[in-house]
Amino acid sequence: MNLPAKITFCLAAGALCTIAACSKVPVACYTADADLTNLHKLQTVSFVATCSENAKAYDWRFYNTRTDSIFYGEMVSKVFSDTGNYTIFLSVSNKKYTDVISQDVFVNP
């Protein structure tokens, strides 16, 4: 009796895939040049996604109740022009998969 070859699966970025394909799933990651727990109005912050893995496209969104800013690229800068709550989204993708992370921050006066 011939048995099928063993195929191992993993869960990566919310997608079920074979082990060989999982190594190609992007993983979103970023760093900032400021303390995101202590932001102030009109502060400029640079964000870098070089720690992301297997990504070809980088989409950033900075959202609060008054503004919605969208940027593209591995490195971006954002001026926080309003006080209050913001949500930072980073979406990284390649031809097959996408991974998204988000972080809530507060901008002080």
Protein backbone atom coordinates (compact mmCIF):
# COMPACT_ATOMS: atom_id res chain seq x y z
CA MET A 1 0.00 0.00 0.00
CA ASN A 2 1.38 3.42 -0.98
CA LEU A 3 0.83 6.17 1.57
CA PRO A 4 0.80 9.82 0.54
CA ALA A 5 3.85 11.87 1.39
CA LYS A 6 3.71 13.55 4.77
CA ILE A 7 2.69 17.19 4.58
CA THR A 8 3.08 19.40 7.61
CA PHE A 9 0.95 22.51 8.06
CA CYS A 10 1.39 25.62 10.15
CA LEU A 11 -0.67 28.67 10.98
CA ALA A 12 1.01 31.95 10.07
CA ALA A 13 -0.53 35.39 9.81
CA GLY A 14 -3.95 33.78 10.17
CA ALA A 15 -3.48 31.51 7.14
CA LEU A 16 -3.10 27.75 7.07
CA CYS A 17 -0.16 26.80 4.86
CA THR A 18 2.49 24.17 4.34
CA ILE A 19 5.79 24.56 6.19
CA ALA A 20 7.55 25.46 2.93
CA ALA A 21 5.04 28.22 2.21
CA CYS A 22 5.03 29.55 5.78
CA SER A 23 8.57 30.80 5.39
CA LYS A 24 7.19 33.20 2.76
CA VAL A 25 4.37 34.64 4.88
CA PRO A 26 5.07 38.28 5.77
CA VAL A 27 5.31 39.30 9.41
CA ALA A 28 4.65 42.97 10.24
CA CYS A 29 6.99 44.70 12.67
CA TYR A 30 8.12 48.30 13.19
CA THR A 31 10.16 50.57 15.40
CA ALA A 32 9.81 54.30 16.09
CA ASP A 33 12.37 56.95 16.98
CA ALA A 34 10.22 58.25 19.86
CA ASP A 35 8.59 56.96 23.01
CA LEU A 36 5.09 56.10 21.79
CA THR A 37 3.78 56.23 25.36
CA ASN A 38 4.69 59.94 25.65
CA LEU A 39 3.75 61.72 22.41
CA HIS A 40 2.97 65.44 22.15
CA LYS A 41 1.00 67.55 19.68
CA LEU A 42 3.06 68.56 16.59
CA GLN A 43 5.72 65.94 17.36
CA THR A 44 7.25 64.28 14.29
CA VAL A 45 7.96 60.56 14.63
CA SER A 46 9.83 58.36 12.16
CA PHE A 47 8.62 54.78 11.75
CA VAL A 48 10.72 52.00 10.21
CA ALA A 49 9.48 48.53 9.25
CA THR A 50 12.85 46.95 8.44
CA CYS A 51 12.21 44.32 11.13
CA SER A 52 9.24 43.03 9.07
CA GLU A 53 9.88 39.73 7.33
CA ASN A 54 9.08 38.58 3.77
CA ALA A 55 7.36 41.88 2.91
CA LYS A 56 7.35 43.60 -0.48
CA ALA A 57 4.74 46.33 0.21
CA TYR A 58 4.26 48.48 3.32
CA ASP A 59 1.03 50.43 3.98
CA TRP A 60 0.73 52.68 7.04
CA ARG A 61 -2.43 54.24 8.44
CA PHE A 62 -2.57 56.73 11.29
CA TYR A 63 -6.18 57.15 12.37
CA ASN A 64 -7.95 59.29 14.94
CA THR A 65 -11.51 60.60 15.02
CA ARG A 66 -10.54 63.76 13.08
CA THR A 67 -7.87 62.63 10.62
CA ASP A 68 -6.84 59.58 8.66
CA SER A 69 -3.33 59.64 7.18
CA ILE A 70 -2.08 56.96 4.80
CA PHE A 71 1.58 56.45 3.83
CA TYR A 72 3.45 53.87 1.76
CA GLY A 73 6.97 52.56 2.13
CA GLU A 74 9.29 50.84 4.54
CA MET A 75 10.15 54.14 6.30
CA VAL A 76 7.69 56.96 6.98
CA SER A 77 7.40 60.06 9.17
CA LYS A 78 4.21 61.33 10.79
CA VAL A 79 3.47 64.68 12.42
CA PHE A 80 0.85 64.17 15.14
CA SER A 81 -1.14 67.37 14.54
CA ASP A 82 -4.03 66.62 16.91
CA THR A 83 -4.20 65.59 20.53
CA GLY A 84 -6.04 62.48 21.64
CA ASN A 85 -6.16 58.83 20.67
CA TYR A 86 -4.62 57.49 17.46
CA THR A 87 -4.43 53.98 16.10
CA ILE A 88 -1.36 53.12 14.06
CA PHE A 89 -1.82 50.33 11.49
CA LEU A 90 0.97 48.68 9.50
CA SER A 91 0.01 46.26 6.73
CA VAL A 92 2.81 44.33 5.03
CA SER A 93 2.28 42.05 2.07
CA ASN A 94 3.87 40.09 -0.70
CA LYS A 95 2.21 38.62 -3.78
CA LYS A 96 0.31 36.01 -1.73
CA TYR A 97 -0.11 37.02 1.89
CA THR A 98 -0.73 40.04 4.13
CA ASP A 99 -0.09 40.67 7.81
CA VAL A 100 -1.46 43.64 9.79
CA ILE A 101 -0.51 44.96 13.21
CA SER A 102 -1.96 47.90 15.10
CA GLN A 103 -1.10 49.96 18.14
CA ASP A 104 -3.11 52.55 20.06
CA VAL A 105 -1.27 55.68 21.22
CA PHE A 106 -2.27 58.91 22.95
CA VAL A 107 -1.00 62.34 21.91
CA ASN A 108 -0.71 64.87 24.73
CA PRO A 109 -1.22 68.64 24.32
